[in-house]
Amino acid sequence: MSEWHVVWVPDPGQWGTLPTDGALGVHDLPGAVARIGLRPGDPVYIRPDGMVDRDFLDFVRSQVFRNLERETKRNYGTDYRLLLTFLSSRGLSWWKATPQDLADYRNWRCDAPENPAQISGTKWDREAAAFTKLFKWGKVYPLPVDISRSEDRAADSVSSRVSWLTPRTWGLWSDIGLRGHTRDGFAVPWWESRTELRNTSFVQLLLSSGLRRQEGGSLLVFELPTQRLRHGRYMHGRIAGAVTRSKNSRTFYASVDSVGQVEAYVESERAWAVQRAQEAGRYERLPMMRLVTKVTHGLKPKVEWVDSDGVVGGQELSRLGCRERQWLFLEGPDGPEPAWLWLTEQGLPMAPDRWNGVFRRANLRCEEVLLTKEERKIRRQFRLAEVQGKSPYVTPHSGRHSMALYMLILLNELFEKRYGLTKKDRRDFALLFGDPWWLVKVLLGHADVETTKRHYLAPVAHLQLESILAAAETTDEGQDVEDLDGVFARLARETAGIQDIDTVLGEAS
């Protein structure tokens, strides 16, 4: 047997049935785990002989691993287990791995015909980054793999999460997948809609703002935008650096309509979930609760609280991470209620990664409505392109990509048509405020505009901005007759990767 296993340190209150106190010489297992420096979400590796690997415990507790995001720890932790099992099958410990061992492992993971679950170049690059951290920490030289070396990176690495939907196609996906409509737009009588408003509000907020799943999913109720831009359809808020990828706070913008939909969710579905949780006494049984006593304003807002033991504490809002935010409660009219915006049906904070399940079920619902029974039997990755095109497929990150594409087209339309800027005017405007590419980069919070072009706006990155709308249909008098929906539809026809309702319904008819 060469199989390694990994277990994850649970969150407080999520340990389940604990072993009898004193079993195997351990008293207070959660306390013992905390005393050796392990945190919730940390992996613990079990060797094939059933013993915990001490070397990996040291790595997990090191600053190299500890500073990673929890989701990254989960991803890397799974990658390490597979590599450890591979090396163990060769009778090797990880610190004795050679470049040839990693080359063989890469070949098996990516190219070997015998492997029924080959991975993409993007996935290999993530694994290579994880292994590089491990081998550098363990001072294994020469490095068996180094993500900074071009030969150790995949040439075909393209983000698998990249997908664009036109605004109309988002409406179709939401209506069928989240609202339970039929292909003809009618609601089915048996549709279960207890969380419909929550789900549609979340999607509209991400689509409007371009926030990542973790960013939008970690918002507190008092972080919703409240300040409306003068003469505009948008409101602006502040996203805390602790929940962003760059760890830098930034301003985000969301449409008035999307914020209004979230507010409607807060006042209805969310309020009912809180009421049921209070009546069931769920909040009283939580192992950790911090009741917010004050939220300061200014450049560095601070949250002050008192916990269930009466201990007073506080922290800058921008430094509150995802886990700490779930402990915050506000004093409501009927008792404490979560400050966390998005709640489960049980009235408890909904972890950001649970949104993946919401999107997955909505995708399946679209397939049930738009695909035939025979087409659904084939797994998505094996379906022909014309079959895949019949049903929109969406992930939480799709909203971010689609928002970027929408804003690029909209900004270009404003520059070209509404403002009537000449080429010289546009150059002057770009020097002062930035061109549309740069403005979209700022909205997304990217450090480099090339990231925006390469990964988020790939469908139109090869086009000159002036040409995006140049082909718009006009009347004999030169007036435009093609609206933004028409522009998106044309781009979807001419460019790979953009899902549009005309294609989806045309293929499904």
Protein backbone atom coordinates (compact mmCIF):
# COMPACT_ATOMS: atom_id res chain seq x y z
CA MET A 1 0.00 0.00 0.00
CA SER A 2 1.40 3.41 -1.00
CA GLU A 3 -1.74 5.53 -0.58
CA TRP A 4 -1.46 8.72 1.46
CA HIS A 5 -4.49 10.32 3.08
CA VAL A 6 -5.27 13.84 4.20
CA VAL A 7 -7.71 15.07 6.85
CA TRP A 8 -8.66 18.66 7.49
CA VAL A 9 -8.79 20.46 10.84
CA PRO A 10 -12.48 21.32 11.42
CA ASP A 11 -13.87 24.70 12.38
CA PRO A 12 -14.86 25.22 16.04
CA GLY A 13 -18.12 23.45 16.70
CA GLN A 14 -17.75 21.24 13.62
CA TRP A 15 -15.70 18.40 15.14
CA GLY A 16 -18.62 16.00 15.37
CA THR A 17 -18.35 13.06 17.79
CA LEU A 18 -15.01 13.26 19.58
CA PRO A 19 -13.10 10.19 20.88
CA THR A 20 -13.36 9.35 24.54
CA ASP A 21 -11.23 11.72 26.57
CA GLY A 22 -7.87 10.10 27.14
CA ALA A 23 -8.12 7.69 24.20
CA LEU A 24 -4.69 7.19 22.63
CA GLY A 25 -3.31 9.48 25.33
CA VAL A 26 -5.11 12.56 24.01
CA HIS A 27 -7.16 14.86 26.22
CA ASP A 28 -9.29 17.56 24.60
CA LEU A 29 -8.51 16.80 20.94
CA PRO A 30 -9.46 20.27 19.56
CA GLY A 31 -7.32 21.92 22.23
CA ALA A 32 -4.39 19.58 21.53
CA VAL A 33 -4.57 20.33 17.81
CA ALA A 34 -4.62 24.07 18.49
CA ARG A 35 -1.67 23.84 20.88
CA ILE A 36 0.62 22.39 18.21
CA GLY A 37 -0.18 25.32 15.93
CA LEU A 38 -2.75 23.86 13.54
CA ARG A 39 -5.64 26.04 12.44
CA PRO A 40 -9.09 25.25 11.05
CA GLY A 41 -8.75 24.30 7.39
CA ASP A 42 -5.16 23.04 7.75
CA PRO A 43 -4.36 19.60 6.25
CA VAL A 44 -2.89 16.72 8.24
CA TYR A 45 -1.18 14.03 6.17
CA ILE A 46 -1.41 10.34 7.05
CA ARG A 47 1.37 8.12 5.69
CA PRO A 48 0.60 4.68 4.22
CA ASP A 49 1.61 3.15 7.57
CA GLY A 50 -1.19 5.08 9.29
CA MET A 51 1.06 7.57 11.10
CA VAL A 52 0.90 11.36 10.89
CA ASP A 53 3.81 12.74 8.88
CA ARG A 54 5.77 15.11 11.14
CA ASP A 55 7.70 16.77 8.31
CA PHE A 56 4.50 17.84 6.62
CA LEU A 57 3.15 19.09 9.95
CA ASP A 58 6.15 21.43 10.12
CA PHE A 59 5.50 22.58 6.56
CA VAL A 60 1.80 23.22 7.21
CA ARG A 61 2.69 25.30 10.28
CA SER A 62 5.37 27.27 8.44
CA GLN A 63 4.81 30.83 7.20
CA VAL A 64 5.13 29.56 3.62
CA PHE A 65 1.89 27.58 3.93
CA ARG A 66 0.16 29.46 6.75
CA ASN A 67 -0.12 32.70 4.80
CA LEU A 68 -2.08 31.05 1.97
CA GLU A 69 -5.82 31.57 1.59
CA ARG A 70 -7.95 28.77 2.99
CA GLU A 71 -9.22 27.74 -0.45
CA THR A 72 -5.64 27.69 -1.75
CA LYS A 73 -4.65 25.48 1.18
CA ARG A 74 -7.44 23.11 0.25
CA ASN A 75 -6.33 22.98 -3.40
CA TYR A 76 -2.63 22.64 -2.62
CA GLY A 77 -3.34 20.09 0.08
CA THR A 78 -5.08 17.81 -2.41
CA ASP A 79 -2.24 18.28 -4.92
CA TYR A 80 0.35 17.28 -2.32
CA ARG A 81 -1.50 14.10 -1.42
CA LEU A 82 -1.46 12.86 -5.01
CA LEU A 83 2.25 13.59 -5.40
CA LEU A 84 3.07 11.89 -2.10
CA THR A 85 1.20 8.78 -3.21
CA PHE A 86 3.06 8.75 -6.53
CA LEU A 87 6.46 9.11 -4.88
CA SER A 88 5.56 6.51 -2.26
CA SER A 89 4.77 4.02 -5.03
CA ARG A 90 8.42 4.43 -6.05
CA GLY A 91 9.65 3.98 -2.51
CA LEU A 92 10.65 7.64 -2.23
CA SER A 93 10.13 10.31 0.39
CA TRP A 94 9.25 13.74 -0.98
CA TRP A 95 12.58 15.26 0.05
CA LYS A 96 14.38 12.69 -2.13
CA ALA A 97 12.42 13.51 -5.28
CA THR A 98 14.43 14.36 -8.39
CA PRO A 99 13.62 16.40 -11.51
CA GLN A 100 13.15 13.11 -13.36
CA ASP A 101 10.56 11.96 -10.81
CA LEU A 102 8.59 15.18 -11.28
CA ALA A 103 8.91 14.95 -15.06
CA ASP A 104 7.45 11.44 -14.91
CA TYR A 105 4.68 12.63 -12.61
CA ARG A 106 3.86 15.51 -14.96
CA ASN A 107 3.73 13.15 -17.92
CA TRP A 108 1.30 10.89 -16.06
CA ARG A 109 -0.91 13.77 -14.95
CA CYS A 110 -1.04 15.60 -18.29
CA ASP A 111 -0.18 13.33 -21.21
CA ALA A 112 -0.23 9.60 -20.42
CA PRO A 113 -2.92 7.84 -22.50
CA GLU A 114 -3.31 5.31 -19.69
CA ASN A 115 -4.47 8.05 -17.30
CA PRO A 116 -8.28 8.34 -17.51
CA ALA A 117 -8.24 11.69 -15.71
CA GLN A 118 -5.65 13.83 -17.46
CA ILE A 119 -5.43 17.43 -16.29
CA SER A 120 -5.13 20.68 -18.25
CA GLY A 121 -2.09 22.88 -18.51
CA THR A 122 -3.70 25.39 -16.17
CA LYS A 123 -4.19 22.73 -13.51
CA TRP A 124 -0.58 21.57 -13.90
CA ASP A 125 0.69 25.12 -13.39
CA ARG A 126 -1.21 25.30 -10.11
CA GLU A 127 0.27 21.99 -8.98
CA ALA A 128 3.76 23.09 -10.04
CA ALA A 129 3.36 26.26 -7.95
CA ALA A 130 2.34 24.16 -4.94
CA PHE A 131 5.26 21.74 -5.35
CA THR A 132 7.73 24.59 -5.80
CA LYS A 133 6.72 26.03 -2.42
CA LEU A 134 7.17 22.65 -0.76
CA PHE A 135 10.56 21.85 -2.26
CA LYS A 136 11.94 25.33 -1.63
CA TRP A 137 10.82 25.18 1.99
CA GLY A 138 12.36 21.72 2.37
CA LYS A 139 15.62 22.89 0.71
CA VAL A 140 15.44 20.08 -1.86
CA TYR A 141 18.11 20.85 -4.48
CA PRO A 142 18.26 20.74 -7.37
CA LEU A 143 14.61 21.76 -7.34
CA PRO A 144 12.57 18.89 -8.81
CA VAL A 145 10.19 21.46 -10.27
CA ASP A 146 10.24 25.25 -10.36
CA ILE A 147 7.24 27.21 -11.56
CA SER A 148 9.53 30.11 -12.47
CA ARG A 149 11.24 27.96 -15.13
CA SER A 150 9.50 28.10 -18.49
CA GLU A 151 10.11 24.39 -19.11
CA ASP A 152 8.20 23.53 -15.94
CA ARG A 153 5.14 25.54 -17.00
CA ALA A 154 2.49 24.34 -19.42
CA ALA A 155 2.48 26.04 -22.81
CA ASP A 156 -1.29 25.56 -23.14
CA SER A 157 -2.19 27.15 -19.80
CA VAL A 158 -5.43 29.05 -20.25
CA SER A 159 -7.82 29.68 -17.40
CA SER A 160 -10.59 27.09 -17.50
CA ARG A 161 -12.85 29.46 -15.59
CA VAL A 162 -12.98 31.97 -18.42
CA SER A 163 -16.45 32.27 -19.93
CA TRP A 164 -18.46 35.21 -21.19
CA LEU A 165 -22.23 35.57 -21.48
CA THR A 166 -24.04 38.45 -23.10
CA PRO A 167 -26.54 40.31 -20.87
CA ARG A 168 -29.53 38.61 -22.53
CA THR A 169 -28.00 35.17 -21.99
CA TRP A 170 -27.49 35.93 -18.30
CA GLY A 171 -31.20 36.68 -18.17
CA LEU A 172 -32.03 33.34 -19.81
CA TRP A 173 -29.73 31.42 -17.44
CA SER A 174 -31.19 33.17 -14.39
CA ASP A 175 -34.80 32.67 -15.49
CA ILE A 176 -34.38 28.95 -16.20
CA GLY A 177 -31.70 27.99 -13.70
CA LEU A 178 -32.56 30.17 -10.69
CA ARG A 179 -36.24 31.00 -11.17
CA GLY A 180 -37.42 27.68 -12.58
CA HIS A 181 -38.91 29.03 -15.81
CA THR A 182 -39.56 26.93 -18.87
CA ARG A 183 -37.92 27.58 -22.22
CA ASP A 184 -40.93 29.71 -23.14
CA GLY A 185 -40.55 31.87 -20.03
CA PHE A 186 -43.33 30.41 -17.85
CA ALA A 187 -42.81 29.48 -14.19
CA VAL A 188 -43.41 25.81 -13.41
CA PRO A 189 -45.82 25.22 -10.50
CA TRP A 190 -43.60 22.74 -8.65
CA TRP A 191 -40.52 25.00 -8.56
CA GLU A 192 -38.97 25.30 -5.10
CA SER A 193 -38.20 28.98 -4.61
CA ARG A 194 -37.24 29.41 -0.94
CA THR A 195 -33.84 30.90 -1.84
CA GLU A 196 -34.66 32.33 -5.27
CA LEU A 197 -34.28 35.97 -4.24
CA ARG A 198 -30.99 35.30 -2.44
CA ASN A 199 -29.52 33.48 -5.43
CA THR A 200 -30.66 35.95 -8.07
CA SER A 201 -29.52 38.89 -5.93
CA PHE A 202 -26.05 37.40 -5.54
CA VAL A 203 -25.74 36.78 -9.26
CA GLN A 204 -26.88 40.29 -10.16
CA LEU A 205 -24.47 41.84 -7.66
CA LEU A 206 -21.50 39.91 -9.05
CA LEU A 207 -22.52 40.61 -12.63
CA SER A 208 -22.97 44.31 -11.92
CA SER A 209 -19.83 44.83 -9.82
CA GLY A 210 -17.33 42.30 -11.16
CA LEU A 211 -16.55 41.11 -7.62
CA ARG A 212 -15.01 37.68 -7.16
CA ARG A 213 -17.02 34.96 -5.45
CA GLN A 214 -15.02 35.33 -2.22
CA GLU A 215 -15.32 39.12 -2.27
CA GLY A 216 -19.05 39.29 -2.93
CA GLY A 217 -19.75 36.25 -0.77
CA SER A 218 -17.98 37.74 2.29
CA LEU A 219 -19.84 41.06 2.43
CA LEU A 220 -21.39 42.23 5.69
CA VAL A 221 -24.80 43.89 5.70
CA PHE A 222 -23.31 47.28 6.55
CA GLU A 223 -20.85 47.02 3.63
CA LEU A 224 -23.58 47.22 0.99
CA PRO A 225 -23.15 50.37 -1.11
CA THR A 226 -25.32 53.22 0.13
CA GLN A 227 -23.83 56.22 -1.69
CA ARG A 228 -25.23 56.82 -5.14
CA LEU A 229 -23.05 58.43 -7.78
CA ARG A 230 -24.28 61.82 -8.89
CA HIS A 231 -26.49 61.58 -12.00
CA GLY A 232 -25.71 57.88 -12.39
CA ARG A 233 -27.10 54.37 -12.20
CA TYR A 234 -24.29 53.13 -9.98
CA MET A 235 -23.41 53.13 -6.30
CA HIS A 236 -19.99 52.62 -4.82
CA GLY A 237 -18.76 50.64 -1.83
CA ARG A 238 -15.52 49.39 -0.36
CA ILE A 239 -14.28 45.80 -0.44
CA ALA A 240 -12.03 44.76 2.46
CA GLY A 241 -8.46 43.88 1.58
CA ALA A 242 -8.51 40.75 3.74
CA VAL A 243 -10.99 39.02 1.40
CA THR A 244 -9.35 40.09 -1.86
CA ARG A 245 -6.66 38.22 -3.76
CA SER A 246 -4.24 41.14 -3.66
CA LYS A 247 -4.94 41.87 0.04
CA ASN A 248 -5.56 45.49 -0.89
CA SER A 249 -8.85 47.23 -0.20
CA ARG A 250 -10.48 48.86 -3.20
CA THR A 251 -13.61 50.69 -4.27
CA PHE A 252 -16.20 48.72 -6.19
CA TYR A 253 -19.24 49.88 -8.14
CA ALA A 254 -22.63 48.19 -8.39
CA SER A 255 -25.77 49.22 -10.20
CA VAL A 256 -28.63 50.77 -8.25
CA ASP A 257 -30.92 47.98 -9.46
CA SER A 258 -28.65 45.18 -8.21
CA VAL A 259 -28.22 46.82 -4.79
CA GLY A 260 -31.98 47.31 -4.59
CA GLN A 261 -32.50 43.61 -5.28
CA VAL A 262 -30.08 42.72 -2.47
CA GLU A 263 -31.93 45.06 -0.12
CA ALA A 264 -35.19 43.32 -1.02
CA TYR A 265 -33.55 39.99 -0.13
CA VAL A 266 -32.41 41.40 3.22
CA GLU A 267 -35.92 42.56 4.07
CA SER A 268 -37.69 39.35 3.04
CA GLU A 269 -35.95 35.99 2.60
CA ARG A 270 -33.05 36.85 4.85
CA ALA A 271 -35.27 38.31 7.57
CA TRP A 272 -37.39 35.14 7.58
CA ALA A 273 -34.29 32.93 7.82
CA VAL A 274 -33.04 34.99 10.78
CA GLN A 275 -36.43 34.79 12.49
CA ARG A 276 -36.56 30.99 12.15
CA ALA A 277 -33.00 30.66 13.47
CA GLN A 278 -33.78 32.84 16.48
CA GLU A 279 -36.93 30.85 17.26
CA ALA A 280 -34.94 27.60 17.02
CA GLY A 281 -32.18 28.98 19.27
CA ARG A 282 -29.46 28.30 16.70
CA TYR A 283 -27.47 31.43 17.43
CA GLU A 284 -27.36 30.68 21.15
CA ARG A 285 -25.62 27.37 20.44
CA LEU A 286 -22.85 28.80 18.27
CA PRO A 287 -19.35 28.26 19.70
CA MET A 288 -18.25 31.77 18.69
CA MET A 289 -20.24 34.99 18.60
CA ARG A 290 -18.97 38.55 18.57
CA LEU A 291 -21.69 41.13 19.07
CA VAL A 292 -20.84 44.33 17.22
CA THR A 293 -21.07 47.37 19.47
CA LYS A 294 -19.71 50.01 17.12
CA VAL A 295 -18.58 50.53 13.53
CA THR A 296 -16.44 53.63 13.06
CA HIS A 297 -16.15 55.56 9.81
CA GLY A 298 -13.33 57.37 8.08
CA LEU A 299 -10.33 56.23 6.08
CA LYS A 300 -9.86 53.10 8.21
CA PRO A 301 -13.25 51.97 9.54
CA LYS A 302 -13.03 49.78 12.63
CA VAL A 303 -15.42 47.20 14.04
CA GLU A 304 -15.69 46.92 17.82
CA TRP A 305 -17.37 43.99 19.56
CA VAL A 306 -17.89 42.04 22.75
CA ASP A 307 -17.86 38.23 22.66
CA SER A 308 -20.07 35.76 24.53
CA ASP A 309 -17.60 35.73 27.45
CA GLY A 310 -17.74 39.51 27.79
CA VAL A 311 -14.29 40.08 26.28
CA VAL A 312 -14.09 43.34 24.33
CA GLY A 313 -12.23 43.41 21.01
CA GLY A 314 -11.92 45.28 17.76
CA GLN A 315 -10.27 45.24 14.35
CA GLU A 316 -10.03 47.35 11.23
CA LEU A 317 -12.80 46.36 8.84
CA SER A 318 -10.32 45.88 6.00
CA ARG A 319 -8.37 43.30 8.04
CA LEU A 320 -11.32 41.08 8.93
CA GLY A 321 -10.99 37.81 7.02
CA CYS A 322 -13.72 35.50 5.84
CA ARG A 323 -13.80 33.34 9.00
CA GLU A 324 -13.80 36.25 11.46
CA ARG A 325 -16.62 37.93 9.58
CA GLN A 326 -18.85 34.91 10.15
CA TRP A 327 -18.51 35.44 13.91
CA LEU A 328 -19.88 39.00 13.80
CA PHE A 329 -23.47 39.61 14.92
CA LEU A 330 -25.64 42.70 15.16
CA GLU A 331 -28.25 43.38 17.81
CA GLY A 332 -31.60 43.10 16.03
CA PRO A 333 -35.14 43.81 17.25
CA ASP A 334 -35.56 40.17 18.34
CA GLY A 335 -32.00 39.42 19.41
CA PRO A 336 -28.59 38.94 17.76
CA GLU A 337 -28.51 38.27 14.03
CA PRO A 338 -25.55 37.66 11.70
CA ALA A 339 -23.74 40.62 10.18
CA TRP A 340 -22.84 38.27 7.31
CA LEU A 341 -24.99 39.23 4.33
CA TRP A 342 -25.69 35.87 2.67
CA LEU A 343 -27.40 33.27 4.85
CA THR A 344 -28.47 29.67 4.44
CA GLU A 345 -32.07 28.61 4.91
CA GLN A 346 -31.11 27.84 8.52
CA GLY A 347 -30.15 31.48 9.03
CA LEU A 348 -26.41 30.75 9.30
CA PRO A 349 -23.59 32.38 7.30
CA MET A 350 -23.23 30.80 3.88
CA ALA A 351 -19.58 30.05 3.11
CA PRO A 352 -18.46 31.54 -0.24
CA ASP A 353 -17.52 28.16 -1.73
CA ARG A 354 -21.11 26.96 -1.31
CA TRP A 355 -22.11 29.24 -4.16
CA ASN A 356 -20.47 26.75 -6.49
CA GLY A 357 -23.31 24.34 -5.71
CA VAL A 358 -25.94 27.00 -6.49
CA PHE A 359 -24.39 27.63 -9.90
CA ARG A 360 -23.94 23.92 -10.59
CA ARG A 361 -27.63 23.19 -9.89
CA ALA A 362 -28.67 26.11 -12.10
CA ASN A 363 -26.51 24.75 -14.95
CA LEU A 364 -28.12 21.32 -14.56
CA ARG A 365 -31.57 22.90 -14.58
CA CYS A 366 -30.74 24.67 -17.88
CA GLU A 367 -29.57 21.37 -19.35
CA GLU A 368 -32.81 19.67 -18.29
CA VAL A 369 -34.85 22.33 -20.07
CA LEU A 370 -32.71 22.97 -23.16
CA LEU A 371 -31.11 19.57 -23.91
CA THR A 372 -32.71 16.30 -24.93
CA LYS A 373 -32.55 13.26 -22.67
CA GLU A 374 -29.97 11.64 -24.92
CA GLU A 375 -27.78 14.75 -24.95
CA ARG A 376 -27.84 14.94 -21.15
CA LYS A 377 -26.50 11.40 -20.83
CA ILE A 378 -23.13 12.54 -22.21
CA ARG A 379 -20.84 14.26 -19.70
CA ARG A 380 -20.30 17.91 -20.52
CA GLN A 381 -16.57 17.61 -21.35
CA PHE A 382 -17.36 14.93 -23.94
CA ARG A 383 -20.24 16.70 -25.67
CA LEU A 384 -19.88 18.05 -29.15
CA ALA A 385 -19.55 21.82 -29.44
CA GLU A 386 -23.00 22.19 -31.01
CA VAL A 387 -24.55 20.35 -28.06
CA GLN A 388 -22.66 22.43 -25.47
CA GLY A 389 -23.86 25.56 -27.25
CA LYS A 390 -27.50 24.70 -26.61
CA SER A 391 -27.30 25.32 -22.86
CA PRO A 392 -25.55 28.25 -21.12
CA TYR A 393 -22.87 27.20 -18.64
CA VAL A 394 -21.96 29.59 -15.83
CA THR A 395 -19.56 29.72 -12.87
CA PRO A 396 -19.35 32.45 -10.21
CA HIS A 397 -16.30 33.86 -12.03
CA SER A 398 -18.27 34.16 -15.28
CA GLY A 399 -19.95 37.25 -13.88
CA ARG A 400 -16.57 38.94 -13.48
CA HIS A 401 -15.53 38.15 -17.05
CA SER A 402 -18.89 39.17 -18.48
CA MET A 403 -18.90 42.43 -16.53
CA ALA A 404 -15.45 43.24 -17.95
CA LEU A 405 -16.63 42.62 -21.52
CA TYR A 406 -19.83 44.60 -20.97
CA MET A 407 -17.99 47.59 -19.50
CA LEU A 408 -15.46 47.60 -22.34
CA ILE A 409 -18.23 47.71 -24.94
CA LEU A 410 -20.19 50.31 -22.95
CA LEU A 411 -17.20 52.58 -22.38
CA ASN A 412 -16.24 52.35 -26.03
CA GLU A 413 -19.82 53.19 -27.02
CA LEU A 414 -19.74 56.25 -24.76
CA PHE A 415 -16.42 57.40 -26.18
CA GLU A 416 -17.38 56.85 -29.80
CA LYS A 417 -21.01 57.87 -29.93
CA ARG A 418 -22.30 59.77 -26.93
CA TYR A 419 -19.22 61.93 -26.41
CA GLY A 420 -18.31 62.05 -30.10
CA LEU A 421 -14.60 62.06 -29.34
CA THR A 422 -12.19 62.29 -32.23
CA LYS A 423 -9.01 60.21 -32.25
CA LYS A 424 -7.08 63.20 -30.90
CA ASP A 425 -9.74 63.78 -28.21
CA ARG A 426 -9.49 60.14 -27.21
CA ARG A 427 -5.73 60.34 -26.89
CA ASP A 428 -6.07 63.42 -24.66
CA PHE A 429 -8.81 61.74 -22.60
CA ALA A 430 -6.69 58.59 -22.21
CA LEU A 431 -3.73 60.63 -20.97
CA LEU A 432 -5.92 62.22 -18.30
CA PHE A 433 -8.21 59.34 -17.26
CA GLY A 434 -7.03 56.21 -19.08
CA ASP A 435 -8.50 54.40 -22.08
CA PRO A 436 -11.37 51.86 -21.74
CA TRP A 437 -8.92 48.96 -21.26
CA TRP A 438 -7.31 50.77 -18.32
CA LEU A 439 -10.66 51.78 -16.82
CA VAL A 440 -11.87 48.15 -16.89
CA LYS A 441 -8.60 47.10 -15.25
CA VAL A 442 -9.30 49.52 -12.41
CA LEU A 443 -12.86 48.25 -11.98
CA LEU A 444 -11.58 44.67 -11.69
CA GLY A 445 -8.78 45.59 -9.29
CA HIS A 446 -6.02 44.21 -11.52
CA ALA A 447 -2.44 45.40 -11.07
CA ASP A 448 -1.58 44.98 -14.76
CA VAL A 449 -3.74 45.85 -17.76
CA GLU A 450 -2.23 42.90 -19.64
CA THR A 451 -3.97 40.56 -17.20
CA THR A 452 -7.26 42.24 -18.09
CA LYS A 453 -6.61 41.88 -21.81
CA ARG A 454 -5.22 38.34 -21.81
CA HIS A 455 -7.55 36.56 -19.40
CA TYR A 456 -10.71 38.63 -19.08
CA LEU A 457 -11.14 40.24 -22.48
CA ALA A 458 -9.54 37.65 -24.73
CA PRO A 459 -12.51 37.57 -27.18
CA VAL A 460 -11.89 41.19 -28.18
CA ALA A 461 -8.25 41.69 -27.19
CA HIS A 462 -7.22 41.30 -30.82
CA LEU A 463 -9.60 44.00 -31.98
CA GLN A 464 -8.90 47.70 -32.16
CA LEU A 465 -11.35 49.46 -29.87
CA GLU A 466 -12.37 51.70 -32.75
CA SER A 467 -13.51 48.65 -34.73
CA ILE A 468 -15.79 47.10 -32.10
CA LEU A 469 -18.65 49.39 -32.99
CA ALA A 470 -17.46 50.41 -36.44
CA ALA A 471 -19.46 47.62 -38.09
CA ALA A 472 -22.70 48.61 -36.38
CA GLU A 473 -25.58 48.83 -38.83
CA THR A 474 -26.66 52.33 -39.81
CA THR A 475 -29.49 53.92 -41.77
CA ASP A 476 -29.01 55.77 -45.00
CA GLU A 477 -28.78 58.98 -42.95
CA GLY A 478 -25.94 57.47 -40.89
CA GLN A 479 -27.95 56.91 -37.69
CA ASP A 480 -27.13 53.79 -35.69
CA VAL A 481 -29.75 51.05 -35.61
CA GLU A 482 -27.73 48.43 -33.74
CA ASP A 483 -28.07 48.64 -29.96
CA LEU A 484 -25.74 47.07 -27.38
CA ASP A 485 -27.61 43.75 -27.58
CA GLY A 486 -26.92 43.75 -31.30
CA VAL A 487 -23.24 44.48 -30.71
CA PHE A 488 -22.97 41.57 -28.26
CA ALA A 489 -24.83 39.25 -30.61
CA ARG A 490 -22.48 40.17 -33.44
CA LEU A 491 -19.40 39.63 -31.28
CA ALA A 492 -20.75 36.24 -30.19
CA ARG A 493 -21.15 35.21 -33.82
CA GLU A 494 -17.71 36.42 -34.82
CA THR A 495 -15.67 35.48 -31.74
CA ALA A 496 -15.22 32.15 -29.95
CA GLY A 497 -16.05 31.87 -26.26
CA ILE A 498 -19.02 34.24 -25.91
CA GLN A 499 -22.39 32.65 -25.11
CA ASP A 500 -25.37 34.50 -26.55
CA ILE A 501 -29.10 33.84 -26.37
CA ASP A 502 -29.48 33.79 -30.17
CA THR A 503 -27.00 30.93 -30.38
CA VAL A 504 -28.39 29.10 -27.36
CA LEU A 505 -32.05 29.23 -28.37
CA GLY A 506 -31.22 28.79 -32.03
CA GLU A 507 -29.33 25.58 -31.30
CA ALA A 508 -31.99 24.36 -28.89
CA SER A 509 -34.90 24.95 -31.26
